[in-house]
C-alpha atoms as a PDB file:
ATOM      1  CA  UNK A   1     -13.319 163.863 -76.432  1.00  0.00           C
ATOM      2  CA  UNK A   2     -12.191 167.459 -76.790  1.00  0.00           C
ATOM      3  CA  UNK A   3     -13.624 169.744 -74.093  1.00  0.00           C
ATOM      4  CA  UNK A   4     -12.078 169.179 -70.642  1.00  0.00           C
ATOM      5  CA  UNK A   5     -12.788 171.072 -67.423  1.00  0.00           C
ATOM      6  CA  UNK A   6      -9.942 171.288 -64.912  1.00  0.00           C
ATOM      7  CA  UNK A   7     -10.777 172.847 -61.557  1.00  0.00           C
ATOM      8  CA  UNK A   8      -8.438 174.944 -59.406  1.00  0.00           C
ATOM      9  CA  UNK A   9      -6.849 176.344 -62.562  1.00  0.00           C
ATOM     10  CA  UNK A  10      -4.903 178.998 -60.647  1.00  0.00           C
ATOM     11  CA  UNK A  11      -2.790 176.321 -58.952  1.00  0.00           C
ATOM     12  CA  UNK A  12       0.376 174.543 -60.022  1.00  0.00           C
ATOM     13  CA  UNK A  13      -1.181 171.073 -60.333  1.00  0.00           C
ATOM     14  CA  UNK A  14      -4.006 172.185 -62.633  1.00  0.00           C
ATOM     15  CA  UNK A  15      -1.581 174.126 -64.804  1.00  0.00           C
ATOM     16  CA  UNK A  16       0.726 171.109 -64.907  1.00  0.00           C
ATOM     17  CA  UNK A  17      -2.150 168.908 -66.064  1.00  0.00           C
ATOM     18  CA  UNK A  18      -2.967 171.484 -68.748  1.00  0.00           C
ATOM     19  CA  UNK A  19       0.648 171.305 -69.940  1.00  0.00           C
ATOM     20  CA  UNK A  20       0.445 167.523 -70.207  1.00  0.00           C
ATOM     21  CA  UNK A  21      -2.843 167.581 -72.107  1.00  0.00           C
ATOM     22  CA  UNK A  22      -1.411 170.152 -74.517  1.00  0.00           C
ATOM     23  CA  UNK A  23       1.500 167.796 -75.203  1.00  0.00           C
ATOM     24  CA  UNK A  24      -0.902 164.897 -75.681  1.00  0.00           C
ATOM     25  CA  UNK A  25      -3.245 166.766 -78.015  1.00  0.00           C
ATOM     26  CA  UNK A  26      -2.836 170.441 -78.948  1.00  0.00           C
ATOM     27  CA  UNK A  27      -6.470 170.476 -80.102  1.00  0.00           C
ATOM     28  CA  UNK A  28      -7.920 169.896 -76.640  1.00  0.00           C
ATOM     29  CA  UNK A  29     -10.213 172.712 -75.534  1.00  0.00           C
ATOM     30  CA  UNK A  30      -9.163 173.211 -71.921  1.00  0.00           C
ATOM     31  CA  UNK A  31     -11.544 175.046 -69.597  1.00  0.00           C
ATOM     32  CA  UNK A  32     -10.318 176.082 -66.180  1.00  0.00           C
ATOM     33  CA  UNK A  33     -12.222 177.339 -63.151  1.00  0.00           C
ATOM     34  CA  UNK A  34     -11.180 178.885 -59.851  1.00  0.00           C
ATOM     35  CA  UNK A  35     -12.527 181.190 -57.145  1.00  0.00           C
ATOM     36  CA  UNK A  36     -10.702 184.236 -58.570  1.00  0.00           C
ATOM     37  CA  UNK A  37      -8.845 185.344 -61.691  1.00  0.00           C
ATOM     38  CA  UNK A  38      -5.640 186.658 -60.139  1.00  0.00           C
ATOM     39  CA  UNK A  39      -3.416 183.991 -61.708  1.00  0.00           C
ATOM     40  CA  UNK A  40      -1.751 183.210 -65.074  1.00  0.00           C
ATOM     41  CA  UNK A  41      -4.111 180.365 -66.022  1.00  0.00           C
ATOM     42  CA  UNK A  42      -5.089 182.001 -69.313  1.00  0.00           C
ATOM     43  CA  UNK A  43      -1.605 181.103 -70.536  1.00  0.00           C
ATOM     44  CA  UNK A  44      -2.497 177.421 -70.108  1.00  0.00           C
ATOM     45  CA  UNK A  45      -6.257 177.249 -70.750  1.00  0.00           C
ATOM     46  CA  UNK A  46      -8.524 178.246 -73.614  1.00  0.00           C
ATOM     47  CA  UNK A  47     -10.902 179.865 -71.145  1.00  0.00           C
ATOM     48  CA  UNK A  48     -11.185 180.356 -67.393  1.00  0.00           C
ATOM     49  CA  UNK A  49     -14.342 180.719 -65.325  1.00  0.00           C
ATOM     50  CA  UNK A  50     -14.840 182.071 -61.803  1.00  0.00           C
ATOM     51  CA  UNK A  51     -16.839 179.783 -59.502  1.00  0.00           C
ATOM     52  CA  UNK A  52     -17.636 179.822 -55.757  1.00  0.00           C
ATOM     53  CA  UNK A  53     -15.621 177.934 -53.169  1.00  0.00           C
ATOM     54  CA  UNK A  54     -16.123 174.185 -53.291  1.00  0.00           C
ATOM     55  CA  UNK A  55     -17.989 174.273 -49.970  1.00  0.00           C
ATOM     56  CA  UNK A  56     -20.323 177.056 -51.159  1.00  0.00           C
ATOM     57  CA  UNK A  57     -24.002 176.300 -51.742  1.00  0.00           C
ATOM     58  CA  UNK A  58     -23.853 177.549 -55.353  1.00  0.00           C
ATOM     59  CA  UNK A  59     -20.686 175.679 -56.328  1.00  0.00           C
ATOM     60  CA  UNK A  60     -22.307 172.849 -58.269  1.00  0.00           C
ATOM     61  CA  UNK A  61     -24.878 175.124 -59.905  1.00  0.00           C
ATOM     62  CA  UNK A  62     -22.012 177.175 -61.295  1.00  0.00           C
ATOM     63  CA  UNK A  63     -20.087 174.072 -62.354  1.00  0.00           C
ATOM     64  CA  UNK A  64     -23.192 172.808 -64.190  1.00  0.00           C
ATOM     65  CA  UNK A  65     -23.396 176.123 -66.044  1.00  0.00           C
ATOM     66  CA  UNK A  66     -19.754 175.750 -67.076  1.00  0.00           C
ATOM     67  CA  UNK A  67     -20.441 172.212 -68.304  1.00  0.00           C
ATOM     68  CA  UNK A  68     -23.359 173.385 -70.423  1.00  0.00           C
ATOM     69  CA  UNK A  69     -21.727 176.530 -71.792  1.00  0.00           C
ATOM     70  CA  UNK A  70     -18.551 174.767 -72.873  1.00  0.00           C
ATOM     71  CA  UNK A  71     -20.010 171.348 -73.794  1.00  0.00           C
ATOM     72  CA  UNK A  72     -17.625 169.720 -71.319  1.00  0.00           C
ATOM     73  CA  UNK A  73     -16.915 166.009 -71.847  1.00  0.00           C
ATOM     74  CA  UNK A  74     -14.594 165.323 -68.890  1.00  0.00           C
ATOM     75  CA  UNK A  75     -14.137 166.880 -65.428  1.00  0.00           C
ATOM     76  CA  UNK A  76     -10.823 166.680 -63.556  1.00  0.00           C
ATOM     77  CA  UNK A  77     -11.172 167.990 -59.968  1.00  0.00           C
ATOM     78  CA  UNK A  78      -7.798 169.026 -58.589  1.00  0.00           C
ATOM     79  CA  UNK A  79      -7.872 170.377 -55.039  1.00  0.00           C
ATOM     80  CA  UNK A  80      -8.739 168.197 -52.072  1.00  0.00           C
ATOM     81  CA  UNK A  81     -11.560 170.590 -51.124  1.00  0.00           C
ATOM     82  CA  UNK A  82     -13.150 170.085 -54.533  1.00  0.00           C
ATOM     83  CA  UNK A  83     -12.580 166.341 -54.509  1.00  0.00           C
ATOM     84  CA  UNK A  84     -14.266 166.219 -51.092  1.00  0.00           C
ATOM     85  CA  UNK A  85     -17.273 168.156 -52.407  1.00  0.00           C
ATOM     86  CA  UNK A  86     -17.630 165.928 -55.457  1.00  0.00           C
ATOM     87  CA  UNK A  87     -17.583 162.745 -53.409  1.00  0.00           C
ATOM     88  CA  UNK A  88     -19.782 164.032 -50.561  1.00  0.00           C
ATOM     89  CA  UNK A  89     -22.435 165.301 -52.973  1.00  0.00           C
ATOM     90  CA  UNK A  90     -22.711 162.042 -54.860  1.00  0.00           C
ATOM     91  CA  UNK A  91     -20.862 163.295 -57.917  1.00  0.00           C
ATOM     92  CA  UNK A  92     -17.845 161.038 -57.702  1.00  0.00           C
ATOM     93  CA  UNK A  93     -18.238 159.281 -61.047  1.00  0.00           C
ATOM     94  CA  UNK A  94     -20.228 161.847 -63.007  1.00  0.00           C
ATOM     95  CA  UNK A  95     -21.970 165.199 -62.885  1.00  0.00           C
ATOM     96  CA  UNK A  96     -24.818 165.856 -65.334  1.00  0.00           C
ATOM     97  CA  UNK A  97     -23.710 162.743 -67.261  1.00  0.00           C
ATOM     98  CA  UNK A  98     -20.178 164.143 -67.629  1.00  0.00           C
ATOM     99  CA  UNK A  99     -17.556 161.676 -66.308  1.00  0.00           C
ATOM    100  CA  UNK A 100     -15.378 162.747 -63.376  1.00  0.00           C
ATOM    101  CA  UNK A 101     -11.742 161.613 -63.164  1.00  0.00           C
ATOM    102  CA  UNK A 102     -10.976 160.495 -59.601  1.00  0.00           C
ATOM    103  CA  UNK A 103      -9.357 157.624 -57.722  1.00  0.00           C
ATOM    104  CA  UNK A 104     -11.594 155.098 -55.946  1.00  0.00           C
ATOM    105  CA  UNK A 105     -13.799 156.165 -53.038  1.00  0.00           C
ATOM    106  CA  UNK A 106     -11.956 154.247 -50.308  1.00  0.00           C
ATOM    107  CA  UNK A 107      -8.629 155.837 -51.241  1.00  0.00           C
ATOM    108  CA  UNK A 108     -10.198 159.292 -51.319  1.00  0.00           C
ATOM    109  CA  UNK A 109     -12.002 159.050 -47.981  1.00  0.00           C
ATOM    110  CA  UNK A 110      -8.921 157.702 -46.209  1.00  0.00           C
ATOM    111  CA  UNK A 111      -6.515 160.125 -47.880  1.00  0.00           C
ATOM    112  CA  UNK A 112      -8.605 163.219 -47.158  1.00  0.00           C
ATOM    113  CA  UNK A 113      -8.300 162.704 -43.390  1.00  0.00           C
ATOM    114  CA  UNK A 114      -4.930 162.278 -41.697  1.00  0.00           C
ATOM    115  CA  UNK A 115      -6.430 160.525 -38.660  1.00  0.00           C
ATOM    116  CA  UNK A 116      -8.082 158.010 -40.994  1.00  0.00           C
ATOM    117  CA  UNK A 117      -4.791 157.663 -42.866  1.00  0.00           C
ATOM    118  CA  UNK A 118      -2.846 156.780 -39.723  1.00  0.00           C
ATOM    119  CA  UNK A 119      -5.571 154.378 -38.571  1.00  0.00           C
ATOM    120  CA  UNK A 120      -5.638 152.718 -42.008  1.00  0.00           C
ATOM    121  CA  UNK A 121      -1.882 152.129 -41.893  1.00  0.00           C
ATOM    122  CA  UNK A 122      -2.029 150.783 -38.341  1.00  0.00           C
ATOM    123  CA  UNK A 123      -4.983 148.498 -39.066  1.00  0.00           C
ATOM    124  CA  UNK A 124      -3.127 147.004 -42.019  1.00  0.00           C
ATOM    125  CA  UNK A 125       0.095 146.372 -40.047  1.00  0.00           C
ATOM    126  CA  UNK A 126       1.974 149.091 -41.931  1.00  0.00           C
ATOM    127  CA  UNK A 127       4.356 151.478 -40.176  1.00  0.00           C
ATOM    128  CA  UNK A 128       2.540 154.700 -39.315  1.00  0.00           C
ATOM    129  CA  UNK A 129       3.250 157.957 -37.459  1.00  0.00           C
ATOM    130  CA  UNK A 130       1.444 158.467 -34.175  1.00  0.00           C
ATOM    131  CA  UNK A 131      -1.309 160.977 -34.884  1.00  0.00           C
ATOM    132  CA  UNK A 132      -3.619 162.684 -32.408  1.00  0.00           C
ATOM    133  CA  UNK A 133      -6.303 165.369 -32.508  1.00  0.00           C
ATOM    134  CA  UNK A 134      -5.190 168.551 -30.753  1.00  0.00           C
ATOM    135  CA  UNK A 135      -8.620 168.666 -29.086  1.00  0.00           C
ATOM    136  CA  UNK A 136      -7.847 165.345 -27.384  1.00  0.00           C
ATOM    137  CA  UNK A 137      -4.966 166.735 -25.337  1.00  0.00           C
ATOM    138  CA  UNK A 138      -1.206 167.091 -25.339  1.00  0.00           C
ATOM    139  CA  UNK A 139       1.023 165.386 -27.893  1.00  0.00           C
ATOM    140  CA  UNK A 140       2.773 162.240 -26.628  1.00  0.00           C
ATOM    141  CA  UNK A 141       6.135 163.904 -27.220  1.00  0.00           C
ATOM    142  CA  UNK A 142       7.865 166.965 -28.585  1.00  0.00           C
ATOM    143  CA  UNK A 143       9.235 167.909 -30.986  1.00  0.00           C
ATOM    144  CA  UNK A 144       6.289 166.957 -33.184  1.00  0.00           C
ATOM    145  CA  UNK A 145       4.297 168.270 -36.134  1.00  0.00           C
ATOM    146  CA  UNK A 146       1.205 170.479 -35.908  1.00  0.00           C
ATOM    147  CA  UNK A 147      -0.913 170.512 -39.072  1.00  0.00           C
ATOM    148  CA  UNK A 148      -4.415 170.503 -40.515  1.00  0.00           C
ATOM    149  CA  UNK A 149      -6.399 167.280 -40.439  1.00  0.00           C
ATOM    150  CA  UNK A 150      -6.952 167.454 -44.198  1.00  0.00           C
ATOM    151  CA  UNK A 151      -5.443 169.107 -47.252  1.00  0.00           C
ATOM    152  CA  UNK A 152      -2.402 171.336 -47.696  1.00  0.00           C
ATOM    153  CA  UNK A 153       0.159 168.570 -48.348  1.00  0.00           C
ATOM    154  CA  UNK A 154       3.437 169.801 -46.844  1.00  0.00           C
ATOM    155  CA  UNK A 155       2.258 173.412 -46.592  1.00  0.00           C
ATOM    156  CA  UNK A 156       1.176 175.246 -43.429  1.00  0.00           C
ATOM    157  CA  UNK A 157       2.680 172.851 -40.926  1.00  0.00           C
ATOM    158  CA  UNK A 158       4.560 173.792 -37.789  1.00  0.00           C
ATOM    159  CA  UNK A 159       7.292 171.906 -35.968  1.00  0.00           C
ATOM    160  CA  UNK A 160       6.478 172.207 -32.275  1.00  0.00           C
ATOM    161  CA  UNK A 161       9.828 172.109 -30.503  1.00  0.00           C
ATOM    162  CA  UNK A 162       8.980 173.840 -27.238  1.00  0.00           C
ATOM    163  CA  UNK A 163       6.580 171.928 -24.955  1.00  0.00           C
ATOM    164  CA  UNK A 164       5.743 175.230 -23.243  1.00  0.00           C
ATOM    165  CA  UNK A 165       3.889 176.293 -26.433  1.00  0.00           C
ATOM    166  CA  UNK A 166       1.580 173.264 -26.429  1.00  0.00           C
ATOM    167  CA  UNK A 167      -1.149 175.048 -24.438  1.00  0.00           C
ATOM    168  CA  UNK A 168      -1.072 177.976 -26.859  1.00  0.00           C
ATOM    169  CA  UNK A 169      -1.471 175.681 -29.857  1.00  0.00           C
ATOM    170  CA  UNK A 170      -4.301 173.766 -28.151  1.00  0.00           C
ATOM    171  CA  UNK A 171      -6.269 176.986 -27.744  1.00  0.00           C
ATOM    172  CA  UNK A 172      -5.404 178.398 -31.173  1.00  0.00           C
ATOM    173  CA  UNK A 173      -5.690 175.277 -33.364  1.00  0.00           C
ATOM    174  CA  UNK A 174      -8.180 172.916 -31.675  1.00  0.00           C
ATOM    175  CA  UNK A 175      -9.179 171.352 -35.006  1.00  0.00           C
ATOM    176  CA  UNK A 176      -5.609 170.511 -36.041  1.00  0.00           C
ATOM    177  CA  UNK A 177      -3.626 167.349 -35.298  1.00  0.00           C
ATOM    178  CA  UNK A 178      -0.379 166.494 -33.609  1.00  0.00           C
ATOM    179  CA  UNK A 179       1.767 164.074 -35.591  1.00  0.00           C
ATOM    180  CA  UNK A 180       5.045 162.299 -35.036  1.00  0.00           C
ATOM    181  CA  UNK A 181       8.103 164.113 -36.366  1.00  0.00           C
ATOM    182  CA  UNK A 182       9.716 161.467 -38.541  1.00  0.00           C
ATOM    183  CA  UNK A 183      13.465 161.482 -38.993  1.00  0.00           C
ATOM    184  CA  UNK A 184      15.872 161.874 -40.681  1.00  0.00           C
ATOM    185  CA  UNK A 185      15.085 165.035 -42.636  1.00  0.00           C
ATOM    186  CA  UNK A 186      17.012 163.986 -45.733  1.00  0.00           C
ATOM    187  CA  UNK A 187      14.976 160.799 -46.161  1.00  0.00           C
ATOM    188  CA  UNK A 188      11.682 162.261 -47.382  1.00  0.00           C
ATOM    189  CA  UNK A 189      10.071 160.706 -50.437  1.00  0.00           C
ATOM    190  CA  UNK A 190       7.163 161.551 -52.693  1.00  0.00           C
ATOM    191  CA  UNK A 191       5.802 158.504 -54.460  1.00  0.00           C
ATOM    192  CA  UNK A 192       3.432 158.123 -57.375  1.00  0.00           C
ATOM    193  CA  UNK A 193       1.192 155.094 -56.987  1.00  0.00           C
ATOM    194  CA  UNK A 194      -1.110 153.869 -59.747  1.00  0.00           C
ATOM    195  CA  UNK A 195      -3.165 150.688 -59.902  1.00  0.00           C
ATOM    196  CA  UNK A 196      -4.879 149.752 -63.138  1.00  0.00           C
ATOM    197  CA  UNK A 197      -8.376 148.316 -63.320  1.00  0.00           C
ATOM    198  CA  UNK A 198      -6.773 144.905 -63.931  1.00  0.00           C
ATOM    199  CA  UNK A 199      -4.738 145.195 -60.713  1.00  0.00           C
ATOM    200  CA  UNK A 200      -1.292 146.074 -62.083  1.00  0.00           C
ATOM    201  CA  UNK A 201       0.572 148.354 -59.652  1.00  0.00           C
ATOM    202  CA  UNK A 202       2.918 151.028 -60.965  1.00  0.00           C
ATOM    203  CA  UNK A 203       5.189 153.234 -58.853  1.00  0.00           C
ATOM    204  CA  UNK A 204       7.718 156.027 -59.096  1.00  0.00           C
ATOM    205  CA  UNK A 205       9.586 157.431 -56.114  1.00  0.00           C
ATOM    206  CA  UNK A 206      11.627 160.607 -55.603  1.00  0.00           C
ATOM    207  CA  UNK A 207      13.889 161.344 -52.653  1.00  0.00           C
ATOM    208  CA  UNK A 208      12.968 165.008 -52.503  1.00  0.00           C
ATOM    209  CA  UNK A 209      13.860 168.396 -51.110  1.00  0.00           C
ATOM    210  CA  UNK A 210      11.032 170.802 -50.398  1.00  0.00           C
ATOM    211  CA  UNK A 211      10.791 174.316 -51.779  1.00  0.00           C
ATOM    212  CA  UNK A 212       7.860 176.348 -50.483  1.00  0.00           C
ATOM    213  CA  UNK A 213       5.848 173.246 -49.641  1.00  0.00           C
ATOM    214  CA  UNK A 214       6.462 171.701 -53.091  1.00  0.00           C
ATOM    215  CA  UNK A 215       9.102 169.313 -54.398  1.00  0.00           C
ATOM    216  CA  UNK A 216      11.911 171.666 -55.401  1.00  0.00           C
ATOM    217  CA  UNK A 217      14.338 168.944 -56.433  1.00  0.00           C
ATOM    218  CA  UNK A 218      14.660 165.212 -56.190  1.00  0.00           C
ATOM    219  CA  UNK A 219      16.257 162.039 -57.436  1.00  0.00           C
ATOM    220  CA  UNK A 220      14.515 158.898 -58.682  1.00  0.00           C
ATOM    221  CA  UNK A 221      15.006 156.053 -56.206  1.00  0.00           C
ATOM    222  CA  UNK A 222      14.345 152.326 -56.532  1.00  0.00           C
ATOM    223  CA  UNK A 223      14.148 151.035 -52.954  1.00  0.00           C
ATOM    224  CA  UNK A 224      12.844 147.524 -52.297  1.00  0.00           C
ATOM    225  CA  UNK A 225      11.440 148.359 -48.866  1.00  0.00           C
ATOM    226  CA  UNK A 226       9.590 151.426 -50.155  1.00  0.00           C
ATOM    227  CA  UNK A 227       8.224 149.516 -53.152  1.00  0.00           C
ATOM    228  CA  UNK A 228       6.914 146.731 -50.931  1.00  0.00           C
ATOM    229  CA  UNK A 229       5.310 149.288 -48.608  1.00  0.00           C
ATOM    230  CA  UNK A 230       3.604 151.057 -51.538  1.00  0.00           C
ATOM    231  CA  UNK A 231       2.332 147.775 -52.981  1.00  0.00           C
ATOM    232  CA  UNK A 232       0.759 146.904 -49.637  1.00  0.00           C
ATOM    233  CA  UNK A 233      -0.944 150.309 -49.479  1.00  0.00           C
ATOM    234  CA  UNK A 234      -2.331 149.878 -52.997  1.00  0.00           C
ATOM    235  CA  UNK A 235      -3.734 146.452 -52.201  1.00  0.00           C
ATOM    236  CA  UNK A 236      -5.149 147.388 -48.792  1.00  0.00           C
ATOM    237  CA  UNK A 237      -6.831 150.552 -50.074  1.00  0.00           C
ATOM    238  CA  UNK A 238      -8.167 148.664 -53.136  1.00  0.00           C
ATOM    239  CA  UNK A 239      -6.639 151.380 -55.263  1.00  0.00           C
ATOM    240  CA  UNK A 240      -8.055 152.209 -58.666  1.00  0.00           C
ATOM    241  CA  UNK A 241      -6.362 155.126 -60.368  1.00  0.00           C
ATOM    242  CA  UNK A 242      -3.710 157.509 -59.108  1.00  0.00           C
ATOM    243  CA  UNK A 243      -2.709 158.706 -55.634  1.00  0.00           C
ATOM    244  CA  UNK A 244       0.423 160.214 -54.142  1.00  0.00           C
ATOM    245  CA  UNK A 245       2.122 158.860 -51.004  1.00  0.00           C
ATOM    246  CA  UNK A 246       4.496 161.003 -48.968  1.00  0.00           C
ATOM    247  CA  UNK A 247       6.743 159.125 -46.570  1.00  0.00           C
ATOM    248  CA  UNK A 248      10.019 159.136 -44.730  1.00  0.00           C
ATOM    249  CA  UNK A 249      12.472 156.256 -44.617  1.00  0.00           C
ATOM    250  CA  UNK A 250      13.133 155.830 -40.893  1.00  0.00           C
ATOM    251  CA  UNK A 251      15.095 153.358 -38.811  1.00  0.00           C
ATOM    252  CA  UNK A 252      11.914 151.243 -38.616  1.00  0.00           C
ATOM    253  CA  UNK A 253      11.353 151.381 -42.376  1.00  0.00           C
ATOM    254  CA  UNK A 254       9.128 153.480 -44.643  1.00  0.00           C
ATOM    255  CA  UNK A 255       6.466 155.490 -42.784  1.00  0.00           C
ATOM    256  CA  UNK A 256       3.764 157.330 -44.741  1.00  0.00           C
ATOM    257  CA  UNK A 257       2.578 160.606 -43.249  1.00  0.00           C
ATOM    258  CA  UNK A 258       0.312 161.647 -46.154  1.00  0.00           C
ATOM    259  CA  UNK A 259      -1.792 159.807 -48.710  1.00  0.00           C
ATOM    260  CA  UNK A 260      -2.926 162.450 -51.207  1.00  0.00           C
ATOM    261  CA  UNK A 261      -5.919 161.149 -53.212  1.00  0.00           C
ATOM    262  CA  UNK A 262      -5.185 163.353 -56.222  1.00  0.00           C
ATOM    263  CA  UNK A 263      -2.581 164.070 -58.834  1.00  0.00           C
ATOM    264  CA  UNK A 264       0.713 165.348 -57.447  1.00  0.00           C
ATOM    265  CA  UNK A 265       2.617 168.589 -57.915  1.00  0.00           C
ATOM    266  CA  UNK A 266       5.264 166.385 -59.591  1.00  0.00           C
ATOM    267  CA  UNK A 267       2.750 165.247 -62.237  1.00  0.00           C
ATOM    268  CA  UNK A 268       4.664 166.922 -65.090  1.00  0.00           C
ATOM    269  CA  UNK A 269       8.034 165.536 -63.985  1.00  0.00           C
ATOM    270  CA  UNK A 270       6.483 162.069 -63.822  1.00  0.00           C
ATOM    271  CA  UNK A 271       4.866 162.419 -67.230  1.00  0.00           C
ATOM    272  CA  UNK A 272       8.150 163.441 -68.857  1.00  0.00           C
ATOM    273  CA  UNK A 273       9.894 160.450 -67.253  1.00  0.00           C
ATOM    274  CA  UNK A 274       7.261 158.001 -68.475  1.00  0.00           C
ATOM    275  CA  UNK A 275       5.092 157.622 -65.363  1.00  0.00           C
ATOM    276  CA  UNK A 276       2.014 158.997 -67.125  1.00  0.00           C
ATOM    277  CA  UNK A 277      -0.689 158.485 -64.517  1.00  0.00           C
ATOM    278  CA  UNK A 278      -2.924 161.247 -65.910  1.00  0.00           C
ATOM    279  CA  UNK A 279      -2.874 159.682 -69.376  1.00  0.00           C
ATOM    280  CA  UNK A 280      -3.460 156.173 -68.019  1.00  0.00           C
ATOM    281  CA  UNK A 281      -6.409 157.345 -65.920  1.00  0.00           C
ATOM    282  CA  UNK A 282      -8.067 159.007 -68.920  1.00  0.00           C
ATOM    283  CA  UNK A 283      -7.427 155.952 -71.096  1.00  0.00           C
ATOM    284  CA  UNK A 284      -9.051 153.660 -68.547  1.00  0.00           C
ATOM    285  CA  UNK A 285     -11.964 156.019 -67.984  1.00  0.00           C
ATOM    286  CA  UNK A 286     -12.656 155.796 -71.719  1.00  0.00           C
ATOM    287  CA  UNK A 287     -12.594 151.995 -71.535  1.00  0.00           C
ATOM    288  CA  UNK A 288      -9.170 151.536 -73.113  1.00  0.00           C
ATOM    289  CA  UNK A 289      -6.100 149.652 -71.924  1.00  0.00           C
ATOM    290  CA  UNK A 290      -3.507 151.974 -70.361  1.00  0.00           C
ATOM    291  CA  UNK A 291      -0.187 152.327 -72.149  1.00  0.00           C
ATOM    292  CA  UNK A 292       2.550 150.072 -70.838  1.00  0.00           C
ATOM    293  CA  UNK A 293       4.952 151.426 -68.223  1.00  0.00           C
ATOM    294  CA  UNK A 294       8.704 151.020 -68.238  1.00  0.00           C
ATOM    295  CA  UNK A 295      10.240 151.554 -64.804  1.00  0.00           C
ATOM    296  CA  UNK A 296      12.128 154.843 -64.583  1.00  0.00           C
ATOM    297  CA  UNK A 297      15.879 154.528 -64.142  1.00  0.00           C
ATOM    298  CA  UNK A 298      17.045 155.345 -60.615  1.00  0.00           C
ATOM    299  CA  UNK A 299      19.471 158.224 -60.199  1.00  0.00           C
ATOM    300  CA  UNK A 300      17.683 160.612 -62.576  1.00  0.00           C
ATOM    301  CA  UNK A 301      17.472 164.066 -61.001  1.00  0.00           C
ATOM    302  CA  UNK A 302      14.653 166.606 -61.228  1.00  0.00           C
ATOM    303  CA  UNK A 303      14.702 170.338 -60.460  1.00  0.00           C
ATOM    304  CA  UNK A 304      11.858 172.840 -60.315  1.00  0.00           C
ATOM    305  CA  UNK A 305      12.827 176.044 -62.108  1.00  0.00           C
ATOM    306  CA  UNK A 306      10.953 179.289 -62.656  1.00  0.00           C
ATOM    307  CA  UNK A 307       9.121 180.965 -65.532  1.00  0.00           C
ATOM    308  CA  UNK A 308       8.396 184.604 -66.204  1.00  0.00           C
ATOM    309  CA  UNK A 309       4.777 185.104 -67.255  1.00  0.00           C
ATOM    310  CA  UNK A 310       3.422 188.457 -68.421  1.00  0.00           C
ATOM    311  CA  UNK A 311      -0.275 188.941 -69.125  1.00  0.00           C
END
C-alpha cells in the first residue's frame, strides 16, 4: 500500500495524520482533498484536490475521480460531516473497492449525534449530562451549554448564563441542543479509546486545557474511575477501532459530553507517546495484528506550539 487519500486536508487532524504517515513511511504518496485550497496542506501532502462539500450531490463523483487519478489504495475520512456522508451512502467499508478506515457503525451513529450519545450513556447506566433539543423548550437549568447537535467538538459552543436570553436562543438556534454545564472547569479530559478486533481495550487520557477549541496543553492521567468508565463505553458501543471521548470528572464521577467517532486533534501527541491508534487501525484493516501497547506513564505533559509556514 502506497497511495493514501486523506480528506479534510486543510484541517489540523488531517495534517497530523499526514505527519504520522510520513514518520511511518516517507515513501507514502499522500493525497489530500478539501473544499478549498486556502491552507498549507501542500507542505504535508504530495498533492491536494478540491472537492465539493460532503453533503453536496457531486461529492462522491469527485472522490471517485480522485481515487482513479491517483490509484488510491486507502481512504481516511477525517471530518464528521464526511464520515456521516460515507456511512449514510453505504460507503462505510469501501468505495469503488478501496477500503475506508473508520470505527464501527454503532460507535459512529451514536457519536455523530449528541442526543443519541446522552441516551446511549443513560441506557447503559453510565453517568451522562442532561441533554435537550432547543426546539423542545427551555433548558432545565442555567447556566448550561448551547451547542450543535453534531460535530464541532469543543468549538462554537456558548455558555448560557442569563435565563433572560433563553427565548432569544430558542428563536435563533432551534436546531441546537441545551446540555448540562459540567463542573469543575479544571477537570476536563480528552481520552483516546481503541478496541482491537480481538477485544483488547487500550486507553490514554489527558487532563487538558483548551486553546481555540483544541487541546492546548495537558498532562497524562491514569485514573481508575475514568478507565473503568471508558472500558464500559467500549464494551457497550461494541467498539472496533478508534474513537475519542471527552469528559469531565465531576462529584458524581466521570461524565462524557462528547463521543467523537474519529481520530482526535491530539493524534500526533498520542502517536509520539506510543498510543498509535492510526497505525493500529491500518494494521488491522490490512489483516495484521496491531503492535503491542505499553501504557503511557502518567504525569507526562504535552503542549501545542506554533509553526511558521510560508508557501
